Structures are given as C-alpha cells and as structure tokens.
C-alpha cells in the first residue's frame, strides 16, 4: 500500500493538538482526522477514534503492522516539520 497524498491542517491555539491530517492511500482510499499531538518526548500521530458507550476511545482505522505505522508517522511528521501545512481557520482549540 502506497501513501499517495498527505494534507496537514494546522490547528490554532496553544493546546497539545497541533494539526489534523488527511492521508490518501493508492489514490483510492482516504483516512481523515489523523491527529498530530505534542507529547512529553515530542510530536506523534494519533489515529482517528470515536468514544464508546463506556467512555473509552477506540481507533476507527489504524495500521496493523508496527513497521507501517512507523513509516506513516515518519512521512506525516516530515511533512509537518518541513512546514508543508495549511492553516485551518475553522479549527481552534
């Protein structure tokens, strides 16, 4: 599976959430709402999730293999680090 497009939308504000990301795979499948979050040891990605009835958060979509997750995170964070992002005035935290 090839990552064919990554779009990063920066979030205004001072919180831990830094950006939302949309990732396209093989020019035919898209995953919205991947998050870039500032953690204690740097930024990382969080996959889109929803809250369950018991209050837990479950990923809606996520990589199965750790190697693919590492590749996905590297490509997303490289795009974010090199400033190839869009400002999103509709998202403010």
Protein backbone atom coordinates (compact mmCIF):
# COMPACT_ATOMS: atom_id res chain seq x y z
CA UNK A 1 0.00 0.00 0.00
CA UNK A 2 1.43 3.33 -1.05
CA UNK A 3 0.82 6.67 0.66
CA UNK A 4 -0.03 8.92 -2.29
CA UNK A 5 -1.04 12.16 -0.56
CA UNK A 6 -0.73 13.79 2.86
CA UNK A 7 -2.52 17.03 3.75
CA UNK A 8 -1.76 18.72 7.06
CA UNK A 9 -4.07 21.38 8.56
CA UNK A 10 -2.52 23.30 11.44
CA UNK A 11 -4.71 23.92 14.50
CA UNK A 12 -4.75 27.40 16.07
CA UNK A 13 -4.23 27.56 19.80
CA UNK A 14 -1.81 26.53 22.49
CA UNK A 15 -3.02 23.00 23.30
CA UNK A 16 -1.36 19.65 22.66
CA UNK A 17 -3.25 19.11 19.38
CA UNK A 18 -1.05 20.64 16.66
CA UNK A 19 -2.72 19.55 13.40
CA UNK A 20 -5.23 17.34 11.64
CA UNK A 21 -4.04 15.19 8.76
CA UNK A 22 -5.76 13.56 5.79
CA UNK A 23 -3.88 10.63 4.24
CA UNK A 24 -4.66 9.08 0.84
CA UNK A 25 -3.57 5.54 0.00
CA UNK A 26 -3.09 4.26 -3.56
CA UNK A 27 -5.04 7.28 -4.89
CA UNK A 28 -8.24 5.44 -3.94
CA UNK A 29 -8.71 5.33 -0.13
CA UNK A 30 -8.64 8.27 2.28
CA UNK A 31 -8.38 8.49 6.07
CA UNK A 32 -9.38 11.81 7.68
CA UNK A 33 -8.73 13.16 11.17
CA UNK A 34 -5.34 11.66 11.93
CA UNK A 35 -4.02 13.97 14.66
CA UNK A 36 -0.55 15.36 15.34
CA UNK A 37 -0.14 15.71 19.10
CA UNK A 38 2.65 17.25 21.19
CA UNK A 39 3.71 14.74 23.83
CA UNK A 40 6.32 14.81 26.58
CA UNK A 41 9.01 13.45 24.26
CA UNK A 42 7.96 15.20 21.04
CA UNK A 43 5.20 15.04 18.48
CA UNK A 44 3.43 11.83 17.45
CA UNK A 45 0.39 10.83 15.42
CA UNK A 46 -2.92 9.55 16.79
CA UNK A 47 -5.28 7.68 14.52
CA UNK A 48 -8.93 8.77 14.16
CA UNK A 49 -11.05 7.46 17.01
CA UNK A 50 -14.53 7.54 18.49
CA UNK A 51 -15.80 7.38 22.04
CA UNK A 52 -17.57 4.15 23.05
CA UNK A 53 -20.62 3.92 25.30
CA UNK A 54 -18.38 3.14 28.27
CA UNK A 55 -16.22 6.22 27.67
CA UNK A 56 -13.19 4.55 26.07
CA UNK A 57 -11.72 5.75 22.79
CA UNK A 58 -11.29 3.20 20.00
CA UNK A 59 -9.41 3.76 16.76
CA UNK A 60 -11.67 3.84 13.71
CA UNK A 61 -8.79 2.97 11.39
CA UNK A 62 -5.21 2.04 12.22
CA UNK A 63 -2.15 0.27 10.83
CA UNK A 64 -1.91 -3.43 11.70
CA UNK A 65 1.87 -3.72 11.50
CA UNK A 66 4.26 -1.54 13.56
CA UNK A 67 6.55 -1.09 10.55
CA UNK A 68 3.78 0.54 8.52
CA UNK A 69 2.77 2.70 11.46
CA UNK A 70 6.38 3.90 11.79
CA UNK A 71 6.52 4.67 8.05
CA UNK A 72 3.18 6.53 8.18
CA UNK A 73 4.24 8.55 11.23
CA UNK A 74 7.59 9.44 9.68
CA UNK A 75 6.00 10.67 6.43
CA UNK A 76 3.33 12.69 8.25
CA UNK A 77 5.77 14.27 10.70
CA UNK A 78 8.27 15.04 7.92
CA UNK A 79 5.52 16.93 6.09
CA UNK A 80 4.60 18.75 9.33
CA UNK A 81 8.24 19.53 10.26
CA UNK A 82 9.09 20.95 6.84
CA UNK A 83 6.21 23.40 7.13
CA UNK A 84 4.17 21.95 4.28
CA UNK A 85 0.90 22.66 6.13
CA UNK A 86 -2.29 24.61 5.63
CA UNK A 87 -3.74 26.94 8.22
CA UNK A 88 -7.25 25.87 9.14
CA UNK A 89 -9.22 28.87 10.43
CA UNK A 90 -12.22 26.65 11.15
CA UNK A 91 -10.34 24.61 13.77
CA UNK A 92 -9.46 26.33 17.02
CA UNK A 93 -8.68 24.65 20.31
